[in-house]
Amino acid sequence: MSTRDLPDQVGDLPRIGRPATGALLDRGVTTLDQVAAMSERELLMLHGVGPRAVRLLREALAEQGRDLTP
């Protein structure tokens, strides 16, 4: 599946861009709960996930009073 075929948004994940969304989907991650169980390092190791996507995910988690796993 190419990134053009991916939805802009999945589940309760914020819009982080298609490459980053595709990287999370490839890993089976479709919710902020699943993202919260990951570390920043784990996220950045995924091809397609960069600092901007991590920042947007952190902001979405912060709105719920949560953060990434240390």
N, C-alpha and C. Protein backbone atom coordinates (compact mmCIF):
# COMPACT_ATOMS: atom_id res chain seq x y z
N MET A 1 0.85 -1.17 0.00
CA MET A 1 0.00 0.00 0.00
C MET A 1 0.90 1.23 0.00
N SER A 2 0.64 2.15 -0.88
CA SER A 2 1.43 3.38 -0.92
C SER A 2 0.86 4.38 0.07
N THR A 3 1.65 5.39 0.41
CA THR A 3 1.18 6.39 1.36
C THR A 3 -0.01 7.17 0.81
N ARG A 4 -0.15 7.22 -0.51
CA ARG A 4 -1.32 7.91 -1.10
C ARG A 4 -2.61 7.20 -0.74
N ASP A 5 -2.55 5.89 -0.48
CA ASP A 5 -3.74 5.11 -0.18
C ASP A 5 -4.11 5.13 1.30
N LEU A 6 -3.28 5.73 2.13
CA LEU A 6 -3.54 5.77 3.56
C LEU A 6 -4.50 6.91 3.90
N PRO A 7 -5.31 6.69 4.94
CA PRO A 7 -6.16 7.80 5.39
C PRO A 7 -5.31 8.86 6.06
N ASP A 8 -5.80 10.10 6.09
CA ASP A 8 -5.09 11.19 6.77
C ASP A 8 -5.09 10.97 8.28
N GLN A 9 -6.13 10.32 8.77
CA GLN A 9 -6.27 10.14 10.21
C GLN A 9 -6.80 8.75 10.49
N VAL A 10 -6.30 8.16 11.57
CA VAL A 10 -6.71 6.82 11.98
C VAL A 10 -7.08 6.86 13.45
N GLY A 11 -8.22 6.27 13.78
CA GLY A 11 -8.64 6.21 15.18
C GLY A 11 -8.60 7.57 15.84
N ASP A 12 -8.04 7.62 17.05
CA ASP A 12 -7.95 8.88 17.77
C ASP A 12 -6.58 9.53 17.62
N LEU A 13 -5.79 9.03 16.66
CA LEU A 13 -4.48 9.63 16.41
C LEU A 13 -4.65 10.98 15.74
N PRO A 14 -3.80 11.95 16.08
CA PRO A 14 -3.87 13.25 15.40
C PRO A 14 -3.35 13.11 13.97
N ARG A 15 -3.59 14.12 13.17
CA ARG A 15 -3.05 14.14 11.81
C ARG A 15 -1.55 14.40 11.88
N ILE A 16 -0.77 13.37 11.62
CA ILE A 16 0.68 13.47 11.74
C ILE A 16 1.38 13.30 10.40
N GLY A 17 0.60 13.18 9.34
CA GLY A 17 1.16 12.98 8.01
C GLY A 17 1.07 11.52 7.60
N ARG A 18 0.92 11.32 6.33
CA ARG A 18 0.72 9.95 5.83
C ARG A 18 1.92 9.03 6.05
N PRO A 19 3.16 9.49 5.84
CA PRO A 19 4.29 8.57 6.09
C PRO A 19 4.33 8.10 7.55
N ALA A 20 4.11 9.03 8.48
CA ALA A 20 4.13 8.66 9.90
C ALA A 20 2.94 7.78 10.25
N THR A 21 1.78 8.11 9.71
CA THR A 21 0.60 7.28 9.95
C THR A 21 0.83 5.87 9.41
N GLY A 22 1.40 5.77 8.22
CA GLY A 22 1.69 4.47 7.63
C GLY A 22 2.67 3.68 8.48
N ALA A 23 3.66 4.35 9.03
CA ALA A 23 4.64 3.67 9.88
C ALA A 23 3.97 3.10 11.13
N LEU A 24 3.06 3.88 11.72
CA LEU A 24 2.34 3.39 12.90
C LEU A 24 1.42 2.22 12.53
N LEU A 25 0.72 2.35 11.42
CA LEU A 25 -0.17 1.27 10.99
C LEU A 25 0.61 -0.01 10.71
N ASP A 26 1.78 0.11 10.10
CA ASP A 26 2.61 -1.07 9.84
C ASP A 26 2.97 -1.77 11.14
N ARG A 27 3.05 -1.03 12.21
CA ARG A 27 3.39 -1.57 13.53
C ARG A 27 2.14 -2.00 14.29
N GLY A 28 0.95 -1.75 13.71
CA GLY A 28 -0.31 -2.13 14.36
C GLY A 28 -0.80 -1.10 15.36
N VAL A 29 -0.23 0.09 15.33
CA VAL A 29 -0.60 1.16 16.27
C VAL A 29 -1.70 2.00 15.64
N THR A 30 -2.87 2.03 16.29
CA THR A 30 -4.00 2.79 15.76
C THR A 30 -4.65 3.70 16.79
N THR A 31 -4.13 3.70 18.03
CA THR A 31 -4.73 4.53 19.09
C THR A 31 -3.65 5.27 19.88
N LEU A 32 -4.07 6.33 20.55
CA LEU A 32 -3.15 7.06 21.41
C LEU A 32 -2.72 6.20 22.61
N ASP A 33 -3.58 5.29 23.05
CA ASP A 33 -3.19 4.36 24.13
C ASP A 33 -1.96 3.58 23.72
N GLN A 34 -1.95 3.10 22.49
CA GLN A 34 -0.81 2.33 22.00
C GLN A 34 0.43 3.22 21.85
N VAL A 35 0.23 4.46 21.41
CA VAL A 35 1.34 5.40 21.28
C VAL A 35 1.94 5.69 22.66
N ALA A 36 1.08 5.87 23.67
CA ALA A 36 1.55 6.20 25.01
C ALA A 36 2.44 5.10 25.59
N ALA A 37 2.30 3.89 25.10
CA ALA A 37 3.12 2.78 25.57
C ALA A 37 4.49 2.75 24.90
N MET A 38 4.72 3.66 23.97
CA MET A 38 5.98 3.70 23.25
C MET A 38 6.84 4.86 23.75
N SER A 39 8.13 4.76 23.52
CA SER A 39 9.04 5.85 23.86
C SER A 39 9.28 6.71 22.63
N GLU A 40 9.81 7.91 22.85
CA GLU A 40 10.16 8.78 21.73
C GLU A 40 11.17 8.08 20.82
N ARG A 41 12.11 7.41 21.41
CA ARG A 41 13.13 6.70 20.63
C ARG A 41 12.50 5.63 19.73
N GLU A 42 11.56 4.86 20.30
CA GLU A 42 10.89 3.83 19.50
C GLU A 42 10.16 4.45 18.31
N LEU A 43 9.48 5.55 18.56
CA LEU A 43 8.75 6.22 17.49
C LEU A 43 9.70 6.72 16.41
N LEU A 44 10.78 7.36 16.82
CA LEU A 44 11.71 7.92 15.85
C LEU A 44 12.45 6.84 15.05
N MET A 45 12.49 5.62 15.56
CA MET A 45 13.13 4.53 14.83
C MET A 45 12.25 4.03 13.67
N LEU A 46 10.97 4.39 13.69
CA LEU A 46 10.06 3.97 12.63
C LEU A 46 10.29 4.84 11.40
N HIS A 47 10.50 4.21 10.27
CA HIS A 47 10.71 4.95 9.02
C HIS A 47 9.45 5.73 8.69
N GLY A 48 9.56 7.05 8.60
CA GLY A 48 8.41 7.89 8.30
C GLY A 48 7.99 8.75 9.48
N VAL A 49 8.46 8.39 10.68
CA VAL A 49 8.13 9.17 11.87
C VAL A 49 9.31 10.06 12.20
N GLY A 50 9.06 11.36 12.20
CA GLY A 50 10.11 12.33 12.51
C GLY A 50 9.74 13.17 13.71
N PRO A 51 10.57 14.15 14.01
CA PRO A 51 10.33 15.01 15.18
C PRO A 51 8.97 15.70 15.17
N ARG A 52 8.50 16.13 14.01
CA ARG A 52 7.21 16.81 13.93
C ARG A 52 6.08 15.86 14.34
N ALA A 53 6.10 14.63 13.84
CA ALA A 53 5.06 13.65 14.19
C ALA A 53 5.09 13.34 15.68
N VAL A 54 6.29 13.20 16.23
CA VAL A 54 6.41 12.93 17.67
C VAL A 54 5.86 14.10 18.47
N ARG A 55 6.16 15.33 18.04
CA ARG A 55 5.64 16.51 18.73
C ARG A 55 4.11 16.52 18.71
N LEU A 56 3.52 16.23 17.55
CA LEU A 56 2.05 16.22 17.44
C LEU A 56 1.44 15.11 18.30
N LEU A 57 2.09 13.97 18.35
CA LEU A 57 1.59 12.88 19.20
C LEU A 57 1.70 13.26 20.67
N ARG A 58 2.82 13.88 21.05
CA ARG A 58 3.00 14.33 22.45
C ARG A 58 1.93 15.36 22.82
N GLU A 59 1.64 16.28 21.90
CA GLU A 59 0.62 17.30 22.17
C GLU A 59 -0.75 16.66 22.37
N ALA A 60 -1.07 15.68 21.54
CA ALA A 60 -2.36 14.99 21.67
C ALA A 60 -2.43 14.24 22.99
N LEU A 61 -1.34 13.61 23.39
CA LEU A 61 -1.31 12.91 24.68
C LEU A 61 -1.40 13.90 25.83
N ALA A 62 -0.72 15.04 25.72
CA ALA A 62 -0.74 16.05 26.78
C ALA A 62 -2.15 16.58 27.02
N GLU A 63 -2.95 16.67 25.97
CA GLU A 63 -4.34 17.12 26.11
C GLU A 63 -5.13 16.16 27.01
N GLN A 64 -4.65 14.92 27.10
CA GLN A 64 -5.29 13.92 27.96
C GLN A 64 -4.53 13.75 29.28
N GLY A 65 -3.54 14.62 29.52
CA GLY A 65 -2.75 14.53 30.73
C GLY A 65 -1.77 13.36 30.73
N ARG A 66 -1.34 12.96 29.53
CA ARG A 66 -0.45 11.79 29.39
C ARG A 66 0.79 12.17 28.61
N ASP A 67 1.73 11.24 28.54
CA ASP A 67 2.95 11.43 27.77
C ASP A 67 3.43 10.07 27.28
N LEU A 68 4.47 10.10 26.51
CA LEU A 68 5.09 8.86 26.02
C LEU A 68 5.78 8.15 27.18
N THR A 69 6.01 6.86 27.02
CA THR A 69 6.76 6.08 28.00
C THR A 69 8.21 6.56 27.99
N PRO A 70 8.79 6.75 29.17
CA PRO A 70 10.19 7.21 29.22
C PRO A 70 11.15 6.18 28.63
